[in-house]
PDB file of N, CA and C in Angstrom:
ATOM      1  N   MET A   1      51.109  15.939  15.775  1.00  0.00           N
ATOM      2  CA  MET A   1      49.945  16.804  15.803  1.00  0.00           C
ATOM      3  C   MET A   1      49.612  17.308  14.398  1.00  0.00           C
ATOM      4  N   ASP A   2      50.614  17.351  13.521  1.00  0.00           N
ATOM      5  CA  ASP A   2      50.334  17.761  12.141  1.00  0.00           C
ATOM      6  C   ASP A   2      49.349  16.801  11.476  1.00  0.00           C
ATOM      7  N   ILE A   3      49.526  15.506  11.721  1.00  0.00           N
ATOM      8  CA  ILE A   3      48.621  14.505  11.145  1.00  0.00           C
ATOM      9  C   ILE A   3      47.211  14.676  11.708  1.00  0.00           C
ATOM     10  N   ILE A   4      47.117  14.921  12.992  1.00  0.00           N
ATOM     11  CA  ILE A   4      45.810  15.118  13.628  1.00  0.00           C
ATOM     12  C   ILE A   4      45.121  16.347  13.031  1.00  0.00           C
ATOM     13  N   LYS A   5      45.866  17.429  12.862  1.00  0.00           N
ATOM     14  CA  LYS A   5      45.281  18.653  12.302  1.00  0.00           C
ATOM     15  C   LYS A   5      44.821  18.438  10.859  1.00  0.00           C
ATOM     16  N   MET A   6      45.583  17.667  10.091  1.00  0.00           N
ATOM     17  CA  MET A   6      45.163  17.360   8.720  1.00  0.00           C
ATOM     18  C   MET A   6      43.860  16.572   8.734  1.00  0.00           C
ATOM     19  N   ALA A   7      43.752  15.604   9.647  1.00  0.00           N
ATOM     20  CA  ALA A   7      42.529  14.805   9.737  1.00  0.00           C
ATOM     21  C   ALA A   7      41.350  15.674  10.153  1.00  0.00           C
ATOM     22  N   GLN A   8      41.557  16.585  11.094  1.00  0.00           N
ATOM     23  CA  GLN A   8      40.480  17.483  11.516  1.00  0.00           C
ATOM     24  C   GLN A   8      39.994  18.329  10.333  1.00  0.00           C
ATOM     25  N   THR A   9      40.918  18.818   9.540  1.00  0.00           N
ATOM     26  CA  THR A   9      40.560  19.622   8.372  1.00  0.00           C
ATOM     27  C   THR A   9      39.788  18.796   7.353  1.00  0.00           C
ATOM     28  N   GLN A  10      40.237  17.569   7.102  1.00  0.00           N
ATOM     29  CA  GLN A  10      39.542  16.715   6.135  1.00  0.00           C
ATOM     30  C   GLN A  10      38.135  16.386   6.605  1.00  0.00           C
ATOM     31  N   LEU A  11      37.974  16.110   7.895  1.00  0.00           N
ATOM     32  CA  LEU A  11      36.643  15.836   8.431  1.00  0.00           C
ATOM     33  C   LEU A  11      35.748  17.062   8.290  1.00  0.00           C
ATOM     34  N   LYS A  12      36.279  18.231   8.626  1.00  0.00           N
ATOM     35  CA  LYS A  12      35.503  19.467   8.508  1.00  0.00           C
ATOM     36  C   LYS A  12      35.095  19.723   7.065  1.00  0.00           C
ATOM     37  N   ASP A  13      36.046  19.563   6.151  1.00  0.00           N
ATOM     38  CA  ASP A  13      35.754  19.787   4.732  1.00  0.00           C
ATOM     39  C   ASP A  13      34.698  18.820   4.199  1.00  0.00           C
ATOM     40  N   ALA A  14      34.610  17.640   4.816  1.00  0.00           N
ATOM     41  CA  ALA A  14      33.624  16.646   4.408  1.00  0.00           C
ATOM     42  C   ALA A  14      32.273  16.855   5.104  1.00  0.00           C
ATOM     43  N   GLY A  15      32.199  17.897   5.945  1.00  0.00           N
ATOM     44  CA  GLY A  15      30.947  18.182   6.648  1.00  0.00           C
ATOM     45  C   GLY A  15      30.722  17.299   7.860  1.00  0.00           C
ATOM     46  N   ILE A  16      31.783  16.696   8.364  1.00  0.00           N
ATOM     47  CA  ILE A  16      31.691  15.807   9.534  1.00  0.00           C
ATOM     48  C   ILE A  16      32.145  16.597  10.755  1.00  0.00           C
ATOM     49  N   ASP A  17      31.308  16.638  11.793  1.00  0.00           N
ATOM     50  CA  ASP A  17      31.646  17.464  12.951  1.00  0.00           C
ATOM     51  C   ASP A  17      32.570  16.782  13.959  1.00  0.00           C
ATOM     52  N   GLN A  18      32.934  15.544  13.721  1.00  0.00           N
ATOM     53  CA  GLN A  18      33.852  14.832  14.613  1.00  0.00           C
ATOM     54  C   GLN A  18      35.208  15.539  14.637  1.00  0.00           C
ATOM     55  N   TRP A  19      35.791  15.651  15.814  1.00  0.00           N
ATOM     56  CA  TRP A  19      37.117  16.250  16.027  1.00  0.00           C
ATOM     57  C   TRP A  19      37.138  17.745  15.763  1.00  0.00           C
ATOM     58  N   GLN A  20      36.014  18.434  15.857  1.00  0.00           N
ATOM     59  CA  GLN A  20      35.984  19.864  15.584  1.00  0.00           C
ATOM     60  C   GLN A  20      35.963  20.713  16.852  1.00  0.00           C
ATOM     61  N   ASN A  21      36.030  20.089  18.012  1.00  0.00           N
ATOM     62  CA  ASN A  21      35.972  20.825  19.278  1.00  0.00           C
ATOM     63  C   ASN A  21      37.281  20.685  20.053  1.00  0.00           C
ATOM     64  N   GLN A  22      38.388  20.920  19.372  1.00  0.00           N
ATOM     65  CA  GLN A  22      39.711  20.872  20.006  1.00  0.00           C
ATOM     66  C   GLN A  22      40.053  19.484  20.545  1.00  0.00           C
ATOM     67  N   TYR A  23      39.488  18.458  19.938  1.00  0.00           N
ATOM     68  CA  TYR A  23      39.808  17.073  20.309  1.00  0.00           C
ATOM     69  C   TYR A  23      40.032  16.283  19.037  1.00  0.00           C
ATOM     70  N   PRO A  24      41.020  15.447  19.016  1.00  0.00           N
ATOM     71  CA  PRO A  24      42.026  15.278  20.063  1.00  0.00           C
ATOM     72  C   PRO A  24      43.009  16.445  20.063  1.00  0.00           C
ATOM     73  N   ASN A  25      43.525  16.709  21.232  1.00  0.00           N
ATOM     74  CA  ASN A  25      44.516  17.765  21.389  1.00  0.00           C
ATOM     75  C   ASN A  25      45.814  17.153  21.909  1.00  0.00           C
ATOM     76  N   GLU A  26      46.810  17.975  22.076  1.00  0.00           N
ATOM     77  CA  GLU A  26      48.110  17.449  22.504  1.00  0.00           C
ATOM     78  C   GLU A  26      48.012  16.712  23.834  1.00  0.00           C
ATOM     79  N   GLU A  27      47.212  17.238  24.754  1.00  0.00           N
ATOM     80  CA  GLU A  27      47.038  16.594  26.058  1.00  0.00           C
ATOM     81  C   GLU A  27      46.461  15.178  25.919  1.00  0.00           C
ATOM     82  N   SER A  28      45.441  15.017  25.076  1.00  0.00           N
ATOM     83  CA  SER A  28      44.829  13.693  24.915  1.00  0.00           C
ATOM     84  C   SER A  28      45.778  12.733  24.198  1.00  0.00           C
ATOM     85  N   ILE A  29      46.558  13.246  23.261  1.00  0.00           N
ATOM     86  CA  ILE A  29      47.540  12.399  22.577  1.00  0.00           C
ATOM     87  C   ILE A  29      48.606  11.937  23.559  1.00  0.00           C
ATOM     88  N   LEU A  30      49.095  12.864  24.386  1.00  0.00           N
ATOM     89  CA  LEU A  30      50.108  12.492  25.385  1.00  0.00           C
ATOM     90  C   LEU A  30      49.560  11.481  26.385  1.00  0.00           C
ATOM     91  N   LEU A  31      48.286  11.613  26.738  1.00  0.00           N
ATOM     92  CA  LEU A  31      47.657  10.638  27.637  1.00  0.00           C
ATOM     93  C   LEU A  31      47.604   9.262  26.982  1.00  0.00           C
ATOM     94  N   ASP A  32      47.256   9.214  25.690  1.00  0.00           N
ATOM     95  CA  ASP A  32      47.274   7.932  24.964  1.00  0.00           C
ATOM     96  C   ASP A  32      48.676   7.330  24.960  1.00  0.00           C
ATOM     97  N   ILE A  33      49.683   8.168  24.763  1.00  0.00           N
ATOM     98  CA  ILE A  33      51.072   7.681  24.781  1.00  0.00           C
ATOM     99  C   ILE A  33      51.416   7.147  26.161  1.00  0.00           C
ATOM    100  N   ASP A  34      51.092   7.909  27.205  1.00  0.00           N
ATOM    101  CA  ASP A  34      51.387   7.478  28.581  1.00  0.00           C
ATOM    102  C   ASP A  34      50.700   6.162  28.926  1.00  0.00           C
ATOM    103  N   ASN A  35      49.503   5.946  28.351  1.00  0.00           N
ATOM    104  CA  ASN A  35      48.738   4.725  28.630  1.00  0.00           C
ATOM    105  C   ASN A  35      49.068   3.584  27.667  1.00  0.00           C
ATOM    106  N   ASN A  36      50.106   3.774  26.856  1.00  0.00           N
ATOM    107  CA  ASN A  36      50.527   2.767  25.870  1.00  0.00           C
ATOM    108  C   ASN A  36      49.418   2.424  24.882  1.00  0.00           C
ATOM    109  N   ASN A  37      48.599   3.410  24.539  1.00  0.00           N
ATOM    110  CA  ASN A  37      47.512   3.216  23.592  1.00  0.00           C
ATOM    111  C   ASN A  37      47.772   3.883  22.246  1.00  0.00           C
ATOM    112  N   SER A  38      48.894   4.570  22.106  1.00  0.00           N
ATOM    113  CA  SER A  38      49.176   5.345  20.899  1.00  0.00           C
ATOM    114  C   SER A  38      50.226   4.640  20.049  1.00  0.00           C
ATOM    115  N   TYR A  39      49.946   4.599  18.748  1.00  0.00           N
ATOM    116  CA  TYR A  39      50.853   3.939  17.808  1.00  0.00           C
ATOM    117  C   TYR A  39      51.006   4.822  16.573  1.00  0.00           C
ATOM    118  N   VAL A  40      52.139   4.688  15.913  1.00  0.00           N
ATOM    119  CA  VAL A  40      52.340   5.397  14.652  1.00  0.00           C
ATOM    120  C   VAL A  40      52.679   4.398  13.564  1.00  0.00           C
ATOM    121  N   VAL A  41      52.356   4.774  12.344  1.00  0.00           N
ATOM    122  CA  VAL A  41      52.690   3.986  11.159  1.00  0.00           C
ATOM    123  C   VAL A  41      53.754   4.778  10.416  1.00  0.00           C
ATOM    124  N   THR A  42      54.817   4.085  10.018  1.00  0.00           N
ATOM    125  CA  THR A  42      55.890   4.767   9.298  1.00  0.00           C
ATOM    126  C   THR A  42      56.055   4.193   7.906  1.00  0.00           C
ATOM    127  N   SER A  43      56.579   5.024   7.035  1.00  0.00           N
ATOM    128  CA  SER A  43      56.942   4.620   5.689  1.00  0.00           C
ATOM    129  C   SER A  43      58.220   5.377   5.340  1.00  0.00           C
ATOM    130  N   ASP A  44      59.232   4.654   4.947  1.00  0.00           N
ATOM    131  CA  ASP A  44      60.525   5.275   4.653  1.00  0.00           C
ATOM    132  C   ASP A  44      61.002   6.145   5.808  1.00  0.00           C
ATOM    133  N   ASN A  45      60.836   5.622   7.018  1.00  0.00           N
ATOM    134  CA  ASN A  45      61.282   6.291   8.248  1.00  0.00           C
ATOM    135  C   ASN A  45      60.557   7.609   8.535  1.00  0.00           C
ATOM    136  N   GLN A  46      59.391   7.805   7.951  1.00  0.00           N
ATOM    137  CA  GLN A  46      58.580   8.978   8.245  1.00  0.00           C
ATOM    138  C   GLN A  46      57.225   8.546   8.805  1.00  0.00           C
ATOM    139  N   VAL A  47      56.751   9.271   9.789  1.00  0.00           N
ATOM    140  CA  VAL A  47      55.431   8.987  10.345  1.00  0.00           C
ATOM    141  C   VAL A  47      54.379   9.402   9.327  1.00  0.00           C
ATOM    142  N   VAL A  48      53.515   8.453   8.958  1.00  0.00           N
ATOM    143  CA  VAL A  48      52.472   8.734   7.972  1.00  0.00           C
ATOM    144  C   VAL A  48      51.066   8.584   8.539  1.00  0.00           C
ATOM    145  N   ALA A  49      50.949   8.005   9.723  1.00  0.00           N
ATOM    146  CA  ALA A  49      49.633   7.825  10.341  1.00  0.00           C
ATOM    147  C   ALA A  49      49.802   7.608  11.832  1.00  0.00           C
ATOM    148  N   THR A  50      48.741   7.869  12.551  1.00  0.00           N
ATOM    149  CA  THR A  50      48.721   7.610  13.984  1.00  0.00           C
ATOM    150  C   THR A  50      47.365   7.015  14.341  1.00  0.00           C
ATOM    151  N   VAL A  51      47.364   6.182  15.358  1.00  0.00           N
ATOM    152  CA  VAL A  51      46.121   5.555  15.789  1.00  0.00           C
ATOM    153  C   VAL A  51      46.209   5.294  17.292  1.00  0.00           C
ATOM    154  N   ALA A  52      45.064   5.350  17.936  1.00  0.00           N
ATOM    155  CA  ALA A  52      44.994   5.009  19.361  1.00  0.00           C
ATOM    156  C   ALA A  52      44.085   3.796  19.515  1.00  0.00           C
ATOM    157  N   PHE A  53      44.585   2.783  20.176  1.00  0.00           N
ATOM    158  CA  PHE A  53      43.801   1.595  20.512  1.00  0.00           C
ATOM    159  C   PHE A  53      43.658   1.547  22.022  1.00  0.00           C
ATOM    160  N   ALA A  54      42.428   1.578  22.496  1.00  0.00           N
ATOM    161  CA  ALA A  54      42.164   1.476  23.925  1.00  0.00           C
ATOM    162  C   ALA A  54      41.056   0.454  24.118  1.00  0.00           C
ATOM    163  N   PHE A  55      41.247  -0.438  25.038  1.00  0.00           N
ATOM    164  CA  PHE A  55      40.275  -1.497  25.262  1.00  0.00           C
ATOM    165  C   PHE A  55      39.462  -1.295  26.531  1.00  0.00           C
ATOM    166  N   ASP A  56      39.681  -0.157  27.199  1.00  0.00           N
ATOM    167  CA  ASP A  56      38.854   0.138  28.362  1.00  0.00           C
ATOM    168  C   ASP A  56      37.552   0.778  27.886  1.00  0.00           C
ATOM    169  N   GLU A  57      36.564   0.816  28.766  1.00  0.00           N
ATOM    170  CA  GLU A  57      35.250   1.326  28.381  1.00  0.00           C
ATOM    171  C   GLU A  57      35.303   2.837  28.185  1.00  0.00           C
ATOM    172  N   ASP A  58      34.691   3.298  27.115  1.00  0.00           N
ATOM    173  CA  ASP A  58      34.590   4.723  26.820  1.00  0.00           C
ATOM    174  C   ASP A  58      33.138   5.131  26.996  1.00  0.00           C
ATOM    175  N   GLU A  59      32.894   6.063  27.904  1.00  0.00           N
ATOM    176  CA  GLU A  59      31.520   6.492  28.203  1.00  0.00           C
ATOM    177  C   GLU A  59      30.798   7.024  26.970  1.00  0.00           C
ATOM    178  N   ASN A  60      31.536   7.549  25.990  1.00  0.00           N
ATOM    179  CA  ASN A  60      30.912   8.095  24.786  1.00  0.00           C
ATOM    180  C   ASN A  60      30.177   7.032  23.980  1.00  0.00           C
ATOM    181  N   TYR A  61      30.522   5.772  24.181  1.00  0.00           N
ATOM    182  CA  TYR A  61      29.904   4.702  23.402  1.00  0.00           C
ATOM    183  C   TYR A  61      28.953   3.852  24.236  1.00  0.00           C
ATOM    184  N   ARG A  62      28.669   4.277  25.444  1.00  0.00           N
ATOM    185  CA  ARG A  62      27.794   3.509  26.333  1.00  0.00           C
ATOM    186  C   ARG A  62      26.354   3.491  25.809  1.00  0.00           C
ATOM    187  N   VAL A  63      25.874   4.615  25.308  1.00  0.00           N
ATOM    188  CA  VAL A  63      24.507   4.726  24.812  1.00  0.00           C
ATOM    189  C   VAL A  63      24.564   5.110  23.333  1.00  0.00           C
ATOM    190  N   PRO A  64      24.025   4.257  22.459  1.00  0.00           N
ATOM    191  CA  PRO A  64      24.035   4.585  21.018  1.00  0.00           C
ATOM    192  C   PRO A  64      23.217   5.848  20.733  1.00  0.00           C
ATOM    193  N   VAL A  65      23.695   6.620  19.786  1.00  0.00           N
ATOM    194  CA  VAL A  65      22.995   7.824  19.351  1.00  0.00           C
ATOM    195  C   VAL A  65      22.697   7.673  17.871  1.00  0.00           C
ATOM    196  N   GLU A  66      21.432   7.794  17.526  1.00  0.00           N
ATOM    197  CA  GLU A  66      21.002   7.665  16.132  1.00  0.00           C
ATOM    198  C   GLU A  66      21.496   6.366  15.518  1.00  0.00           C
ATOM    199  N   GLY A  67      21.338   5.279  16.244  1.00  0.00           N
ATOM    200  CA  GLY A  67      21.670   3.972  15.703  1.00  0.00           C
ATOM    201  C   GLY A  67      23.027   3.537  16.001  1.00  0.00           C
TER     202      GLY A  67
END
């Protein structure tokens, strides 16, 4: 969650509103883990990044907004 919070801060500082409404949160991360969609990247045995890959349909991308 530390990595997620750092990313939220960087997005906010860049004026990007993505991830500013308590998402992703611990519940959504745990759901990604439970669904085998969550992965971490390590360097020298430390987690340095996290990513979620999901191939099911996401309603948020069904209708394009502003292109």
